[in-house]
Amino acid sequence: NWCPNNYGRSYAGSMPLTVALAKSINTIPVQMSIAIGKA
């Protein structure tokens, strides 16, 4: 029941990983933790 939000309470859609880090998108690290486990 935990769903992270971004600073602006919105979602930016698709982007290169570099942009996601520069913009500090919160959902991407959570997706990464899931992807590491699924690997």
Full PDB file with SEQRES, HELIX, SHEET, SSBOND, CRYST1, ORIGX, SCALE, CONECT and MASTER records, all heavy atoms in Angstrom:
SEQRES   1 A   39  ASN TRP CYS PRO ASN ASN TYR GLY ARG SER TYR ALA GLY          
SEQRES   2 A   39  SER MET PRO LEU THR VAL ALA LEU ALA LYS SER ILE ASN          
SEQRES   3 A   39  THR ILE PRO VAL GLN MET SER ILE ALA ILE GLY LYS ALA          
HELIX    1 AA1 LEU A   17  ALA A   22  1                                   6    
HELIX    2 AA2 THR A   27  LYS A   38  1                                  12    
CRYST1    1.000    1.000    1.000  90.00  90.00  90.00 P 1           1          
ORIGX1      1.000000  0.000000  0.000000        0.00000                         
ORIGX2      0.000000  1.000000  0.000000        0.00000                         
ORIGX3      0.000000  0.000000  1.000000        0.00000                         
SCALE1      1.000000  0.000000  0.000000        0.00000                         
SCALE2      0.000000  1.000000  0.000000        0.00000                         
SCALE3      0.000000  0.000000  1.000000        0.00000                         
ATOM      1  N   ASN A   1       0.810  -1.219   0.000  1.00  0.00           N  
ATOM      2  CA  ASN A   1       0.000   0.000   0.000  1.00  0.00           C  
ATOM      3  C   ASN A   1       0.842   1.267   0.000  1.00  0.00           C  
ATOM      4  O   ASN A   1       0.338   2.357   0.250  1.00  0.00           O  
ATOM      5  CB  ASN A   1      -0.951   0.005   1.200  1.00  0.00           C  
ATOM      6  CG  ASN A   1      -0.192  -0.083   2.524  1.00  0.00           C  
ATOM      7  OD1 ASN A   1       1.033  -0.142   2.536  1.00  0.00           O  
ATOM      8  ND2 ASN A   1      -0.926  -0.100   3.618  1.00  0.00           N  
ATOM      9  N   TRP A   2       2.141   1.116  -0.275  1.00  0.00           N  
ATOM     10  CA  TRP A   2       3.028   2.293  -0.335  1.00  0.00           C  
ATOM     11  C   TRP A   2       3.291   2.655  -1.779  1.00  0.00           C  
ATOM     12  O   TRP A   2       3.767   1.833  -2.565  1.00  0.00           O  
ATOM     13  CB  TRP A   2       4.339   2.009   0.380  1.00  0.00           C  
ATOM     14  CG  TRP A   2       5.308   3.161   0.314  1.00  0.00           C  
ATOM     15  CD1 TRP A   2       5.268   4.307   1.031  1.00  0.00           C  
ATOM     16  CD2 TRP A   2       6.458   3.264  -0.541  1.00  0.00           C  
ATOM     17  NE1 TRP A   2       6.324   5.132   0.684  1.00  0.00           N  
ATOM     18  CE2 TRP A   2       7.066   4.506  -0.267  1.00  0.00           C  
ATOM     19  CE3 TRP A   2       7.015   2.419  -1.505  1.00  0.00           C  
ATOM     20  CZ2 TRP A   2       8.211   4.929  -0.924  1.00  0.00           C  
ATOM     21  CZ3 TRP A   2       8.163   2.834  -2.160  1.00  0.00           C  
ATOM     22  CH2 TRP A   2       8.747   4.085  -1.875  1.00  0.00           C  
ATOM     23  N   CYS A   3       3.011   3.919  -2.134  1.00  0.00           N  
ATOM     24  CA  CYS A   3       3.206   4.404  -3.499  1.00  0.00           C  
ATOM     25  C   CYS A   3       3.966   5.729  -3.445  1.00  0.00           C  
ATOM     26  O   CYS A   3       3.432   6.731  -2.957  1.00  0.00           O  
ATOM     27  CB  CYS A   3       1.863   4.607  -4.205  1.00  0.00           C  
ATOM     28  SG  CYS A   3       0.814   3.137  -4.239  1.00  0.00           S  
ATOM     29  N   PRO A   4       5.222   5.772  -3.881  1.00  0.00           N  
ATOM     30  CA  PRO A   4       5.997   7.010  -3.806  1.00  0.00           C  
ATOM     31  C   PRO A   4       5.499   8.065  -4.786  1.00  0.00           C  
ATOM     32  O   PRO A   4       4.990   7.746  -5.867  1.00  0.00           O  
ATOM     33  CB  PRO A   4       7.407   6.553  -4.170  1.00  0.00           C  
ATOM     34  CG  PRO A   4       7.202   5.366  -5.043  1.00  0.00           C  
ATOM     35  CD  PRO A   4       5.982   4.681  -4.507  1.00  0.00           C  
ATOM     36  N   ASN A   5       5.651   9.335  -4.390  1.00  0.00           N  
ATOM     37  CA  ASN A   5       5.306  10.467  -5.252  1.00  0.00           C  
ATOM     38  C   ASN A   5       6.553  11.275  -5.556  1.00  0.00           C  
ATOM     39  O   ASN A   5       7.532  11.254  -4.805  1.00  0.00           O  
ATOM     40  CB  ASN A   5       4.275  11.375  -4.576  1.00  0.00           C  
ATOM     41  CG  ASN A   5       2.929  10.702  -4.428  1.00  0.00           C  
ATOM     42  OD1 ASN A   5       2.425  10.111  -5.375  1.00  0.00           O  
ATOM     43  ND2 ASN A   5       2.350  10.772  -3.226  1.00  0.00           N  
ATOM     44  N   ASN A   6       6.527  12.019  -6.628  1.00  0.00           N  
ATOM     45  CA  ASN A   6       7.602  12.937  -6.950  1.00  0.00           C  
ATOM     46  C   ASN A   6       7.395  14.262  -6.221  1.00  0.00           C  
ATOM     47  O   ASN A   6       6.342  14.522  -5.632  1.00  0.00           O  
ATOM     48  CB  ASN A   6       7.664  13.171  -8.467  1.00  0.00           C  
ATOM     49  CG  ASN A   6       8.124  11.928  -9.209  1.00  0.00           C  
ATOM     50  OD1 ASN A   6       9.056  11.249  -8.782  1.00  0.00           O  
ATOM     51  ND2 ASN A   6       7.457  11.619 -10.317  1.00  0.00           N  
ATOM     52  N   TYR A   7       8.425  15.106  -6.297  1.00  0.00           N  
ATOM     53  CA  TYR A   7       8.376  16.397  -5.626  1.00  0.00           C  
ATOM     54  C   TYR A   7       7.170  17.211  -6.097  1.00  0.00           C  
ATOM     55  O   TYR A   7       6.496  17.865  -5.305  1.00  0.00           O  
ATOM     56  CB  TYR A   7       9.683  17.163  -5.892  1.00  0.00           C  
ATOM     57  CG  TYR A   7       9.745  18.518  -5.236  1.00  0.00           C  
ATOM     58  CD1 TYR A   7       9.971  18.640  -3.876  1.00  0.00           C  
ATOM     59  CD2 TYR A   7       9.583  19.681  -5.990  1.00  0.00           C  
ATOM     60  CE1 TYR A   7      10.037  19.885  -3.271  1.00  0.00           C  
ATOM     61  CE2 TYR A   7       9.646  20.929  -5.399  1.00  0.00           C  
ATOM     62  CZ  TYR A   7       9.880  21.032  -4.030  1.00  0.00           C  
ATOM     63  OH  TYR A   7       9.941  22.266  -3.443  1.00  0.00           O  
ATOM     64  N   GLY A   8       6.869  17.162  -7.402  1.00  0.00           N  
ATOM     65  CA  GLY A   8       5.769  17.958  -7.941  1.00  0.00           C  
ATOM     66  C   GLY A   8       4.435  17.238  -7.954  1.00  0.00           C  
ATOM     67  O   GLY A   8       3.466  17.735  -8.548  1.00  0.00           O  
ATOM     68  N   ARG A   9       4.352  16.046  -7.336  1.00  0.00           N  
ATOM     69  CA  ARG A   9       3.110  15.267  -7.262  1.00  0.00           C  
ATOM     70  C   ARG A   9       2.582  14.910  -8.653  1.00  0.00           C  
ATOM     71  O   ARG A   9       1.378  14.820  -8.872  1.00  0.00           O  
ATOM     72  CB  ARG A   9       2.024  16.042  -6.500  1.00  0.00           C  
ATOM     73  CG  ARG A   9       2.418  16.455  -5.107  1.00  0.00           C  
ATOM     74  CD  ARG A   9       2.281  15.308  -4.129  1.00  0.00           C  
ATOM     75  NE  ARG A   9       2.690  15.687  -2.779  1.00  0.00           N  
ATOM     76  CZ  ARG A   9       2.644  14.870  -1.740  1.00  0.00           C  
ATOM     77  NH1 ARG A   9       2.211  13.635  -1.907  1.00  0.00           N  
ATOM     78  NH2 ARG A   9       3.058  15.261  -0.554  1.00  0.00           N  
ATOM     79  N   SER A  10       3.499  14.745  -9.620  1.00  0.00           N  
ATOM     80  CA  SER A  10       3.065  14.383 -10.972  1.00  0.00           C  
ATOM     81  C   SER A  10       4.075  13.411 -11.557  1.00  0.00           C  
ATOM     82  O   SER A  10       5.115  13.135 -10.945  1.00  0.00           O  
ATOM     83  CB  SER A  10       2.949  15.624 -11.866  1.00  0.00           C  
ATOM     84  OG  SER A  10       4.202  16.269 -11.978  1.00  0.00           O  
ATOM     85  N   TYR A  11       3.770  12.903 -12.770  1.00  0.00           N  
ATOM     86  CA  TYR A  11       4.652  11.940 -13.417  1.00  0.00           C  
ATOM     87  C   TYR A  11       5.087  12.508 -14.757  1.00  0.00           C  
ATOM     88  O   TYR A  11       4.301  13.121 -15.476  1.00  0.00           O  
ATOM     89  CB  TYR A  11       3.947  10.603 -13.589  1.00  0.00           C  
ATOM     90  CG  TYR A  11       3.514  10.010 -12.258  1.00  0.00           C  
ATOM     91  CD1 TYR A  11       2.189  10.146 -11.827  1.00  0.00           C  
ATOM     92  CD2 TYR A  11       4.416   9.355 -11.444  1.00  0.00           C  
ATOM     93  CE1 TYR A  11       1.784   9.624 -10.614  1.00  0.00           C  
ATOM     94  CE2 TYR A  11       4.026   8.826 -10.222  1.00  0.00           C  
ATOM     95  CZ  TYR A  11       2.707   8.972  -9.805  1.00  0.00           C  
ATOM     96  OH  TYR A  11       2.324   8.465  -8.592  1.00  0.00           O  
ATOM     97  N   ALA A  12       6.363  12.292 -15.086  1.00  0.00           N  
ATOM     98  CA  ALA A  12       6.948  12.932 -16.272  1.00  0.00           C  
ATOM     99  C   ALA A  12       7.000  12.024 -17.484  1.00  0.00           C  
ATOM    100  O   ALA A  12       7.462  12.441 -18.547  1.00  0.00           O  
ATOM    101  CB  ALA A  12       8.358  13.421 -15.944  1.00  0.00           C  
ATOM    102  N   GLY A  13       6.595  10.777 -17.369  1.00  0.00           N  
ATOM    103  CA  GLY A  13       6.601   9.880 -18.518  1.00  0.00           C  
ATOM    104  C   GLY A  13       7.983   9.322 -18.804  1.00  0.00           C  
ATOM    105  O   GLY A  13       8.822   9.178 -17.916  1.00  0.00           O  
ATOM    106  N   SER A  14       8.245   9.025 -20.084  1.00  0.00           N  
ATOM    107  CA  SER A  14       9.500   8.374 -20.473  1.00  0.00           C  
ATOM    108  C   SER A  14      10.626   9.385 -20.635  1.00  0.00           C  
ATOM    109  O   SER A  14      10.405  10.520 -21.081  1.00  0.00           O  
ATOM    110  CB  SER A  14       9.308   7.603 -21.778  1.00  0.00           C  
ATOM    111  OG  SER A  14       8.348   6.580 -21.599  1.00  0.00           O  
ATOM    112  N   MET A  15      11.841   8.937 -20.304  1.00  0.00           N  
ATOM    113  CA  MET A  15      13.031   9.795 -20.387  1.00  0.00           C  
ATOM    114  C   MET A  15      14.274   8.923 -20.271  1.00  0.00           C  
ATOM    115  O   MET A  15      14.205   7.792 -19.770  1.00  0.00           O  
ATOM    116  CB  MET A  15      13.007  10.838 -19.267  1.00  0.00           C  
ATOM    117  CG  MET A  15      13.196  10.221 -17.879  1.00  0.00           C  
ATOM    118  SD  MET A  15      12.810  11.353 -16.536  1.00  0.00           S  
ATOM    119  CE  MET A  15      11.014  11.268 -16.601  1.00  0.00           C  
ATOM    120  N   PRO A  16      15.444   9.418 -20.712  1.00  0.00           N  
ATOM    121  CA  PRO A  16      16.686   8.676 -20.494  1.00  0.00           C  
ATOM    122  C   PRO A  16      17.009   8.605 -18.995  1.00  0.00           C  
ATOM    123  O   PRO A  16      16.610   9.467 -18.209  1.00  0.00           O  
ATOM    124  CB  PRO A  16      17.735   9.495 -21.258  1.00  0.00           C  
ATOM    125  CG  PRO A  16      16.952  10.317 -22.219  1.00  0.00           C  
ATOM    126  CD  PRO A  16      15.645  10.613 -21.543  1.00  0.00           C  
ATOM    127  N   LEU A  17      17.754   7.604 -18.623  1.00  0.00           N  
ATOM    128  CA  LEU A  17      18.111   7.420 -17.212  1.00  0.00           C  
ATOM    129  C   LEU A  17      18.871   8.632 -16.669  1.00  0.00           C  
ATOM    130  O   LEU A  17      18.694   9.017 -15.505  1.00  0.00           O  
ATOM    131  CB  LEU A  17      18.970   6.155 -17.063  1.00  0.00           C  
ATOM    132  CG  LEU A  17      19.210   5.681 -15.625  1.00  0.00           C  
ATOM    133  CD1 LEU A  17      17.914   5.219 -14.983  1.00  0.00           C  
ATOM    134  CD2 LEU A  17      20.251   4.557 -15.596  1.00  0.00           C  
ATOM    135  N   THR A  18      19.698   9.247 -17.498  1.00  0.00           N  
ATOM    136  CA  THR A  18      20.460  10.426 -17.067  1.00  0.00           C  
ATOM    137  C   THR A  18      19.524  11.545 -16.632  1.00  0.00           C  
ATOM    138  O   THR A  18      19.750  12.200 -15.608  1.00  0.00           O  
ATOM    139  CB  THR A  18      21.369  10.923 -18.208  1.00  0.00           C  
ATOM    140  OG1 THR A  18      22.305   9.900 -18.535  1.00  0.00           O  
ATOM    141  CG2 THR A  18      22.118  12.177 -17.809  1.00  0.00           C  
ATOM    142  N   VAL A  19      18.464  11.760 -17.390  1.00  0.00           N  
ATOM    143  CA  VAL A  19      17.501  12.818 -17.047  1.00  0.00           C  
ATOM    144  C   VAL A  19      16.770  12.462 -15.756  1.00  0.00           C  
ATOM    145  O   VAL A  19      16.516  13.313 -14.903  1.00  0.00           O  
ATOM    146  CB  VAL A  19      16.508  13.035 -18.207  1.00  0.00           C  
ATOM    147  CG1 VAL A  19      15.436  14.047 -17.804  1.00  0.00           C  
ATOM    148  CG2 VAL A  19      17.241  13.498 -19.456  1.00  0.00           C  
ATOM    149  N   ALA A  20      16.432  11.193 -15.585  1.00  0.00           N  
ATOM    150  CA  ALA A  20      15.728  10.769 -14.370  1.00  0.00           C  
ATOM    151  C   ALA A  20      16.554  11.067 -13.126  1.00  0.00           C  
ATOM    152  O   ALA A  20      16.018  11.494 -12.087  1.00  0.00           O  
ATOM    153  CB  ALA A  20      15.409   9.279 -14.451  1.00  0.00           C  
ATOM    154  N   LEU A  21      17.883  10.859 -13.198  1.00  0.00           N  
ATOM    155  CA  LEU A  21      18.738  11.149 -12.052  1.00  0.00           C  
ATOM    156  C   LEU A  21      18.889  12.646 -11.853  1.00  0.00           C  
ATOM    157  O   LEU A  21      18.822  13.141 -10.714  1.00  0.00           O  
ATOM    158  CB  LEU A  21      20.114  10.496 -12.260  1.00  0.00           C  
ATOM    159  CG  LEU A  21      21.117  10.669 -11.104  1.00  0.00           C  
ATOM    160  CD1 LEU A  21      20.564  10.100  -9.807  1.00  0.00           C  
ATOM    161  CD2 LEU A  21      22.454  10.002 -11.447  1.00  0.00           C  
ATOM    162  N   ALA A  22      19.080  13.374 -12.939  1.00  0.00           N  
ATOM    163  CA  ALA A  22      19.242  14.829 -12.825  1.00  0.00           C  
ATOM    164  C   ALA A  22      17.993  15.477 -12.255  1.00  0.00           C  
ATOM    165  O   ALA A  22      18.075  16.427 -11.467  1.00  0.00           O  
ATOM    166  CB  ALA A  22      19.582  15.423 -14.192  1.00  0.00           C  
ATOM    167  N   LYS A  23      16.812  14.988 -12.639  1.00  0.00           N  
ATOM    168  CA  LYS A  23      15.549  15.548 -12.158  1.00  0.00           C  
ATOM    169  C   LYS A  23      15.098  14.922 -10.835  1.00  0.00           C  
ATOM    170  O   LYS A  23      14.077  15.316 -10.284  1.00  0.00           O  
ATOM    171  CB  LYS A  23      14.459  15.346 -13.209  1.00  0.00           C  
ATOM    172  CG  LYS A  23      14.743  16.006 -14.564  1.00  0.00           C  
ATOM    173  CD  LYS A  23      14.856  17.517 -14.431  1.00  0.00           C  
ATOM    174  CE  LYS A  23      15.066  18.175 -15.801  1.00  0.00           C  
ATOM    175  NZ  LYS A  23      15.220  19.654 -15.685  1.00  0.00           N  
ATOM    176  N   SER A  24      15.855  13.933 -10.361  1.00  0.00           N  
ATOM    177  CA  SER A  24      15.580  13.281  -9.075  1.00  0.00           C  
ATOM    178  C   SER A  24      14.179  12.684  -9.029  1.00  0.00           C  
ATOM    179  O   SER A  24      13.415  12.901  -8.085  1.00  0.00           O  
ATOM    180  CB  SER A  24      15.767  14.274  -7.914  1.00  0.00           C  
ATOM    181  OG  SER A  24      15.919  13.601  -6.685  1.00  0.00           O  
ATOM    182  N   ILE A  25      13.846  11.893 -10.040  1.00  0.00           N  
ATOM    183  CA  ILE A  25      12.543  11.231 -10.102  1.00  0.00           C  
ATOM    184  C   ILE A  25      12.482  10.120  -9.053  1.00  0.00           C  
ATOM    185  O   ILE A  25      13.346   9.243  -9.011  1.00  0.00           O  
ATOM    186  CB  ILE A  25      12.299  10.652 -11.509  1.00  0.00           C  
ATOM    187  CG1 ILE A  25      12.422  11.759 -12.572  1.00  0.00           C  
ATOM    188  CG2 ILE A  25      10.948   9.974 -11.579  1.00  0.00           C  
ATOM    189  CD1 ILE A  25      11.416  12.878 -12.416  1.00  0.00           C  
ATOM    190  N   ASN A  26      11.479  10.128  -8.199  1.00  0.00           N  
ATOM    191  CA  ASN A  26      11.393   9.182  -7.085  1.00  0.00           C  
ATOM    192  C   ASN A  26      10.990   7.772  -7.496  1.00  0.00           C  
ATOM    193  O   ASN A  26      11.392   6.792  -6.867  1.00  0.00           O  
ATOM    194  CB  ASN A  26      10.403   9.688  -6.030  1.00  0.00           C  
ATOM    195  CG  ASN A  26      11.028  10.720  -5.113  1.00  0.00           C  
ATOM    196  OD1 ASN A  26      12.240  10.802  -5.002  1.00  0.00           O  
ATOM    197  ND2 ASN A  26      10.196  11.512  -4.467  1.00  0.00           N  
ATOM    198  N   THR A  27      10.178   7.656  -8.524  1.00  0.00           N  
ATOM    199  CA  THR A  27       9.670   6.317  -8.849  1.00  0.00           C  
ATOM    200  C   THR A  27      10.729   5.421  -9.482  1.00  0.00           C  
ATOM    201  O   THR A  27      10.636   4.193  -9.388  1.00  0.00           O  
ATOM    202  CB  THR A  27       8.473   6.420  -9.812  1.00  0.00           C  
ATOM    203  OG1 THR A  27       8.901   7.003 -11.049  1.00  0.00           O  
ATOM    204  CG2 THR A  27       7.356   7.257  -9.198  1.00  0.00           C  
ATOM    205  N   ILE A  28      11.730   6.007 -10.106  1.00  0.00           N  
ATOM    206  CA  ILE A  28      12.726   5.212 -10.821  1.00  0.00           C  
ATOM    207  C   ILE A  28      13.554   4.337  -9.867  1.00  0.00           C  
ATOM    208  O   ILE A  28      13.743   3.138 -10.144  1.00  0.00           O  
ATOM    209  CB  ILE A  28      13.629   6.113 -11.684  1.00  0.00           C  
ATOM    210  CG1 ILE A  28      12.780   6.926 -12.687  1.00  0.00           C  
ATOM    211  CG2 ILE A  28      14.678   5.283 -12.406  1.00  0.00           C  
ATOM    212  CD1 ILE A  28      11.897   6.075 -13.582  1.00  0.00           C  
ATOM    213  N   PRO A  29      14.090   4.849  -8.747  1.00  0.00           N  
ATOM    214  CA  PRO A  29      14.838   3.962  -7.833  1.00  0.00           C  
ATOM    215  C   PRO A  29      13.987   2.808  -7.302  1.00  0.00           C  
ATOM    216  O   PRO A  29      14.507   1.702  -7.097  1.00  0.00           O  
ATOM    217  CB  PRO A  29      15.270   4.899  -6.703  1.00  0.00           C  
ATOM    218  CG  PRO A  29      15.265   6.252  -7.298  1.00  0.00           C  
ATOM    219  CD  PRO A  29      14.142   6.250  -8.280  1.00  0.00           C  
ATOM    220  N   VAL A  30      12.692   3.060  -7.083  1.00  0.00           N  
ATOM    221  CA  VAL A  30      11.825   1.982  -6.606  1.00  0.00           C  
ATOM    222  C   VAL A  30      11.673   0.927  -7.699  1.00  0.00           C  
ATOM    223  O   VAL A  30      11.732  -0.283  -7.432  1.00  0.00           O  
ATOM    224  CB  VAL A  30      10.458   2.547  -6.183  1.00  0.00           C  
ATOM    225  CG1 VAL A  30       9.548   1.420  -5.704  1.00  0.00           C  
ATOM    226  CG2 VAL A  30      10.631   3.592  -5.084  1.00  0.00           C  
ATOM    227  N   GLN A  31      11.478   1.384  -8.941  1.00  0.00           N  
ATOM    228  CA  GLN A  31      11.408   0.431 -10.049  1.00  0.00           C  
ATOM    229  C   GLN A  31      12.719  -0.352 -10.181  1.00  0.00           C  
ATOM    230  O   GLN A  31      12.712  -1.550 -10.495  1.00  0.00           O  
ATOM    231  CB  GLN A  31      11.112   1.172 -11.355  1.00  0.00           C  
ATOM    232  CG  GLN A  31       9.735   1.822 -11.421  1.00  0.00           C  
ATOM    233  CD  GLN A  31       9.504   2.536 -12.742  1.00  0.00           C  
ATOM    234  OE1 GLN A  31       9.777   1.984 -13.815  1.00  0.00           O  
ATOM    235  NE2 GLN A  31       9.006   3.771 -12.678  1.00  0.00           N  
ATOM    236  N   MET A  32      13.842   0.323  -9.917  1.00  0.00           N  
ATOM    237  CA  MET A  32      15.140  -0.354 -10.003  1.00  0.00           C  
ATOM    238  C   MET A  32      15.252  -1.469  -8.968  1.00  0.00           C  
ATOM    239  O   MET A  32      15.765  -2.556  -9.254  1.00  0.00           O  
ATOM    240  CB  MET A  32      16.268   0.660  -9.796  1.00  0.00           C  
ATOM    241  CG  MET A  32      16.525   1.558 -10.984  1.00  0.00           C  
ATOM    242  SD  MET A  32      17.860   2.725 -10.651  1.00  0.00           S  
ATOM    243  CE  MET A  32      18.248   3.256 -12.311  1.00  0.00           C  
ATOM    244  N   SER A  33      14.778  -1.212  -7.749  1.00  0.00           N  
ATOM    245  CA  SER A  33      14.861  -2.245  -6.709  1.00  0.00           C  
ATOM    246  C   SER A  33      14.060  -3.481  -7.112  1.00  0.00           C  
ATOM    247  O   SER A  33      14.489  -4.613  -6.874  1.00  0.00           O  
ATOM    248  CB  SER A  33      14.355  -1.686  -5.373  1.00  0.00           C  
ATOM    249  OG  SER A  33      12.952  -1.436  -5.414  1.00  0.00           O  
ATOM    250  N   ILE A  34      12.924  -3.262  -7.763  1.00  0.00           N  
ATOM    251  CA  ILE A  34      12.114  -4.395  -8.230  1.00  0.00           C  
ATOM    252  C   ILE A  34      12.823  -5.127  -9.365  1.00  0.00           C  
ATOM    253  O   ILE A  34      12.874  -6.361  -9.401  1.00  0.00           O  
ATOM    254  CB  ILE A  34      10.725  -3.903  -8.683  1.00  0.00           C  
ATOM    255  CG1 ILE A  34       9.965  -3.281  -7.493  1.00  0.00           C  
ATOM    256  CG2 ILE A  34       9.923  -5.032  -9.304  1.00  0.00           C  
ATOM    257  CD1 ILE A  34       8.667  -2.599  -7.885  1.00  0.00           C  
ATOM    258  N   ALA A  35      13.414  -4.343 -10.278  1.00  0.00           N  
ATOM    259  CA  ALA A  35      14.100  -4.956 -11.420  1.00  0.00           C  
ATOM    260  C   ALA A  35      15.302  -5.779 -10.971  1.00  0.00           C  
ATOM    261  O   ALA A  35      15.579  -6.855 -11.523  1.00  0.00           O  
ATOM    262  CB  ALA A  35      14.540  -3.865 -12.397  1.00  0.00           C  
ATOM    263  N   ILE A  36      16.026  -5.312  -9.981  1.00  0.00           N  
ATOM    264  CA  ILE A  36      17.181  -6.062  -9.473  1.00  0.00           C  
ATOM    265  C   ILE A  36      16.722  -7.400  -8.909  1.00  0.00           C  
ATOM    266  O   ILE A  36      17.344  -8.444  -9.135  1.00  0.00           O  
ATOM    267  CB  ILE A  36      17.928  -5.246  -8.398  1.00  0.00           C  
ATOM    268  CG1 ILE A  36      18.566  -3.996  -9.021  1.00  0.00           C  
ATOM    269  CG2 ILE A  36      19.001  -6.093  -7.727  1.00  0.00           C  
ATOM    270  CD1 ILE A  36      19.159  -3.031  -8.001  1.00  0.00           C  
ATOM    271  N   GLY A  37      15.611  -7.371  -8.149  1.00  0.00           N  
ATOM    272  CA  GLY A  37      15.088  -8.614  -7.587  1.00  0.00           C  
ATOM    273  C   GLY A  37      14.588  -9.566  -8.643  1.00  0.00           C  
ATOM    274  O   GLY A  37      14.817 -10.788  -8.565  1.00  0.00           O  
ATOM    275  N   LYS A  38      13.901  -9.038  -9.651  1.00  0.00           N  
ATOM    276  CA  LYS A  38      13.369  -9.905 -10.710  1.00  0.00           C  
ATOM    277  C   LYS A  38      14.476 -10.525 -11.545  1.00  0.00           C  
ATOM    278  O   LYS A  38      14.285 -11.605 -12.122  1.00  0.00           O  
ATOM    279  CB  LYS A  38      12.422  -9.107 -11.597  1.00  0.00           C  
ATOM    280  CG  LYS A  38      11.075  -8.810 -10.939  1.00  0.00           C  
ATOM    281  CD  LYS A  38      10.102  -8.163 -11.911  1.00  0.00           C  
ATOM    282  CE  LYS A  38       8.718  -7.994 -11.282  1.00  0.00           C  
ATOM    283  NZ  LYS A  38       7.746  -7.388 -12.222  1.00  0.00           N  
ATOM    284  N   ALA A  39      15.644  -9.866 -11.598  1.00  0.00           N  
ATOM    285  CA  ALA A  39      16.767 -10.426 -12.354  1.00  0.00           C  
ATOM    286  C   ALA A  39      17.274 -11.717 -11.733  1.00  0.00           C  
ATOM    287  O   ALA A  39      17.968 -12.498 -12.389  1.00  0.00           O  
ATOM    288  CB  ALA A  39      17.899  -9.411 -12.442  1.00  0.00           C  
TER     289      ALA A  39                                                      
MASTER        0    0    0    2    0    0    0    6  288    1    0    3          
END                                                                             
